[in-house]
Amino acid sequence: MTGARPDGALIVPADVVAVGGGALVDPECLWCAKHFRPRQDGGKRQRFCAEPCRRLFAKAALAWVVQAVASGRLAREQLWNASPATRRSPTEAKGATGVVE
């Protein structure tokens, strides 16, 4: 919700961005580039206008990573050193047989 604090400072949701001369606009979807109204119920910053755009982005990103690894532009060690919040370590991914799930 946009508004003003008692001291007069403008309150703006984190997902609303200022452009050009300071005009406030809704964020742009990372996949389709359309502006969208972000959810107002909290949680992480919304980057996609809808679930289909999030899925298409993830599918394209995975295809890009697979191709980059296959071509040698990206090493698996670089993936292992990526953000731990988004993936399991190679040892955690192995089952009781030692085979990656």
C-alpha atoms as a PDB file:
ATOM      1  CA  MET A   1       0.000   0.000   0.000  1.00  0.00           C
ATOM      2  CA  THR A   2       1.372   3.382  -0.984  1.00  0.00           C
ATOM      3  CA  GLY A   3       0.867   6.202   1.487  1.00  0.00           C
ATOM      4  CA  ALA A   4       2.680   8.571   3.796  1.00  0.00           C
ATOM      5  CA  ARG A   5       4.092   8.179   7.282  1.00  0.00           C
ATOM      6  CA  PRO A   6       3.221  10.743   9.949  1.00  0.00           C
ATOM      7  CA  ASP A   7       6.550  12.480   9.217  1.00  0.00           C
ATOM      8  CA  GLY A   8       5.501  12.879   5.565  1.00  0.00           C
ATOM      9  CA  ALA A   9       7.840  10.241   4.105  1.00  0.00           C
ATOM     10  CA  LEU A  10       6.309   8.220   1.294  1.00  0.00           C
ATOM     11  CA  ILE A  11       5.558   4.553   2.001  1.00  0.00           C
ATOM     12  CA  VAL A  12       6.002   2.415  -1.106  1.00  0.00           C
ATOM     13  CA  PRO A  13       5.845  -1.382  -1.431  1.00  0.00           C
ATOM     14  CA  ALA A  14       9.244  -2.965  -2.099  1.00  0.00           C
ATOM     15  CA  ASP A  15       8.047  -4.284  -5.474  1.00  0.00           C
ATOM     16  CA  VAL A  16       7.084  -0.864  -6.829  1.00  0.00           C
ATOM     17  CA  VAL A  17       9.994   0.843  -8.550  1.00  0.00           C
ATOM     18  CA  ALA A  18      10.792   4.429  -9.458  1.00  0.00           C
ATOM     19  CA  VAL A  19      11.681   5.230 -13.067  1.00  0.00           C
ATOM     20  CA  GLY A  20      12.884   8.277 -14.933  1.00  0.00           C
ATOM     21  CA  GLY A  21      11.647  11.348 -13.121  1.00  0.00           C
ATOM     22  CA  GLY A  22      10.687   9.359 -10.038  1.00  0.00           C
ATOM     23  CA  ALA A  23       7.308   8.101 -11.303  1.00  0.00           C
ATOM     24  CA  LEU A  24       6.229   4.919  -9.509  1.00  0.00           C
ATOM     25  CA  VAL A  25       5.414   1.906 -11.700  1.00  0.00           C
ATOM     26  CA  ASP A  26       4.703  -1.746 -11.041  1.00  0.00           C
ATOM     27  CA  PRO A  27       7.594  -4.170 -11.557  1.00  0.00           C
ATOM     28  CA  GLU A  28       8.260  -5.867 -14.886  1.00  0.00           C
ATOM     29  CA  CYS A  29       7.988  -9.663 -15.274  1.00  0.00           C
ATOM     30  CA  LEU A  30      11.414 -11.252 -15.826  1.00  0.00           C
ATOM     31  CA  TRP A  31       9.965 -13.517 -18.538  1.00  0.00           C
ATOM     32  CA  CYS A  32       7.316 -11.623 -20.531  1.00  0.00           C
ATOM     33  CA  ALA A  33       8.435  -8.067 -19.588  1.00  0.00           C
ATOM     34  CA  LYS A  34       4.862  -6.973 -18.817  1.00  0.00           C
ATOM     35  CA  HIS A  35       4.254  -4.778 -15.794  1.00  0.00           C
ATOM     36  CA  PHE A  36       2.222  -6.458 -13.070  1.00  0.00           C
ATOM     37  CA  ARG A  37       0.682  -5.633  -9.729  1.00  0.00           C
ATOM     38  CA  PRO A  38       2.692  -7.557  -7.086  1.00  0.00           C
ATOM     39  CA  ARG A  39       0.917  -9.582  -4.440  1.00  0.00           C
ATOM     40  CA  GLN A  40       0.274  -7.756  -1.200  1.00  0.00           C
ATOM     41  CA  ASP A  41       0.339 -10.715   1.217  1.00  0.00           C
ATOM     42  CA  GLY A  42       4.058 -10.659   1.978  1.00  0.00           C
ATOM     43  CA  GLY A  43       6.693 -13.228   1.136  1.00  0.00           C
ATOM     44  CA  LYS A  44       9.663 -12.907  -1.185  1.00  0.00           C
ATOM     45  CA  ARG A  45       9.838 -10.190  -3.800  1.00  0.00           C
ATOM     46  CA  GLN A  46       7.672 -11.224  -6.746  1.00  0.00           C
ATOM     47  CA  ARG A  47       9.604 -11.330 -10.032  1.00  0.00           C
ATOM     48  CA  PHE A  48       7.037 -12.886 -12.389  1.00  0.00           C
ATOM     49  CA  CYS A  49       3.527 -11.818 -13.290  1.00  0.00           C
ATOM     50  CA  ALA A  50       2.151 -15.357 -13.080  1.00  0.00           C
ATOM     51  CA  GLU A  51       3.090 -18.995 -12.481  1.00  0.00           C
ATOM     52  CA  PRO A  52       3.367 -19.863 -16.224  1.00  0.00           C
ATOM     53  CA  CYS A  53       6.020 -17.142 -16.679  1.00  0.00           C
ATOM     54  CA  ARG A  54       7.963 -18.432 -13.668  1.00  0.00           C
ATOM     55  CA  ARG A  55       7.885 -21.970 -15.071  1.00  0.00           C
ATOM     56  CA  LEU A  56       8.927 -20.889 -18.579  1.00  0.00           C
ATOM     57  CA  PHE A  57      11.819 -18.892 -17.120  1.00  0.00           C
ATOM     58  CA  ALA A  58      12.949 -21.868 -15.019  1.00  0.00           C
ATOM     59  CA  LYS A  59      12.706 -24.215 -18.020  1.00  0.00           C
ATOM     60  CA  ALA A  60      14.752 -21.846 -20.213  1.00  0.00           C
ATOM     61  CA  ALA A  61      17.306 -21.286 -17.426  1.00  0.00           C
ATOM     62  CA  LEU A  62      17.755 -25.033 -16.930  1.00  0.00           C
ATOM     63  CA  ALA A  63      18.195 -25.580 -20.682  1.00  0.00           C
ATOM     64  CA  TRP A  64      20.790 -22.786 -20.778  1.00  0.00           C
ATOM     65  CA  VAL A  65      22.734 -24.248 -17.831  1.00  0.00           C
ATOM     66  CA  VAL A  66      22.701 -27.767 -19.313  1.00  0.00           C
ATOM     67  CA  GLN A  67      23.973 -26.411 -22.640  1.00  0.00           C
ATOM     68  CA  ALA A  68      26.622 -24.281 -20.900  1.00  0.00           C
ATOM     69  CA  VAL A  69      27.904 -27.287 -18.937  1.00  0.00           C
ATOM     70  CA  ALA A  70      27.911 -29.471 -22.068  1.00  0.00           C
ATOM     71  CA  SER A  71      29.905 -26.853 -24.005  1.00  0.00           C
ATOM     72  CA  GLY A  72      32.396 -26.332 -21.171  1.00  0.00           C
ATOM     73  CA  ARG A  73      31.452 -22.685 -20.496  1.00  0.00           C
ATOM     74  CA  LEU A  74      30.176 -23.631 -17.040  1.00  0.00           C
ATOM     75  CA  ALA A  75      31.786 -26.173 -14.719  1.00  0.00           C
ATOM     76  CA  ARG A  76      29.783 -28.315 -12.330  1.00  0.00           C
ATOM     77  CA  GLU A  77      31.981 -26.960  -9.525  1.00  0.00           C
ATOM     78  CA  GLN A  78      30.565 -23.509 -10.267  1.00  0.00           C
ATOM     79  CA  LEU A  79      27.087 -24.927  -9.701  1.00  0.00           C
ATOM     80  CA  TRP A  80      28.212 -26.625  -6.486  1.00  0.00           C
ATOM     81  CA  ASN A  81      29.495 -23.256  -5.231  1.00  0.00           C
ATOM     82  CA  ALA A  82      26.233 -21.489  -6.076  1.00  0.00           C
ATOM     83  CA  SER A  83      23.749 -20.337  -3.471  1.00  0.00           C
ATOM     84  CA  PRO A  84      23.232 -23.205  -0.982  1.00  0.00           C
ATOM     85  CA  ALA A  85      19.646 -22.130  -0.386  1.00  0.00           C
ATOM     86  CA  THR A  86      18.676 -23.261  -3.873  1.00  0.00           C
ATOM     87  CA  ARG A  87      20.320 -26.680  -4.188  1.00  0.00           C
ATOM     88  CA  ARG A  88      21.576 -29.721  -2.312  1.00  0.00           C
ATOM     89  CA  SER A  89      25.289 -30.456  -2.117  1.00  0.00           C
ATOM     90  CA  PRO A  90      26.620 -33.346  -4.238  1.00  0.00           C
ATOM     91  CA  THR A  91      26.915 -35.534  -1.124  1.00  0.00           C
ATOM     92  CA  GLU A  92      23.335 -34.764  -0.041  1.00  0.00           C
ATOM     93  CA  ALA A  93      22.040 -35.636  -3.512  1.00  0.00           C
ATOM     94  CA  LYS A  94      23.440 -39.191  -3.333  1.00  0.00           C
ATOM     95  CA  GLY A  95      21.168 -41.931  -2.049  1.00  0.00           C
ATOM     96  CA  ALA A  96      22.194 -45.001  -0.047  1.00  0.00           C
ATOM     97  CA  THR A  97      23.561 -46.615  -3.230  1.00  0.00           C
ATOM     98  CA  GLY A  98      25.778 -43.627  -4.023  1.00  0.00           C
ATOM     99  CA  VAL A  99      23.762 -42.908  -7.164  1.00  0.00           C
ATOM    100  CA  VAL A 100      22.576 -39.357  -7.684  1.00  0.00           C
ATOM    101  CA  GLU A 101      18.789 -39.188  -7.420  1.00  0.00           C
END
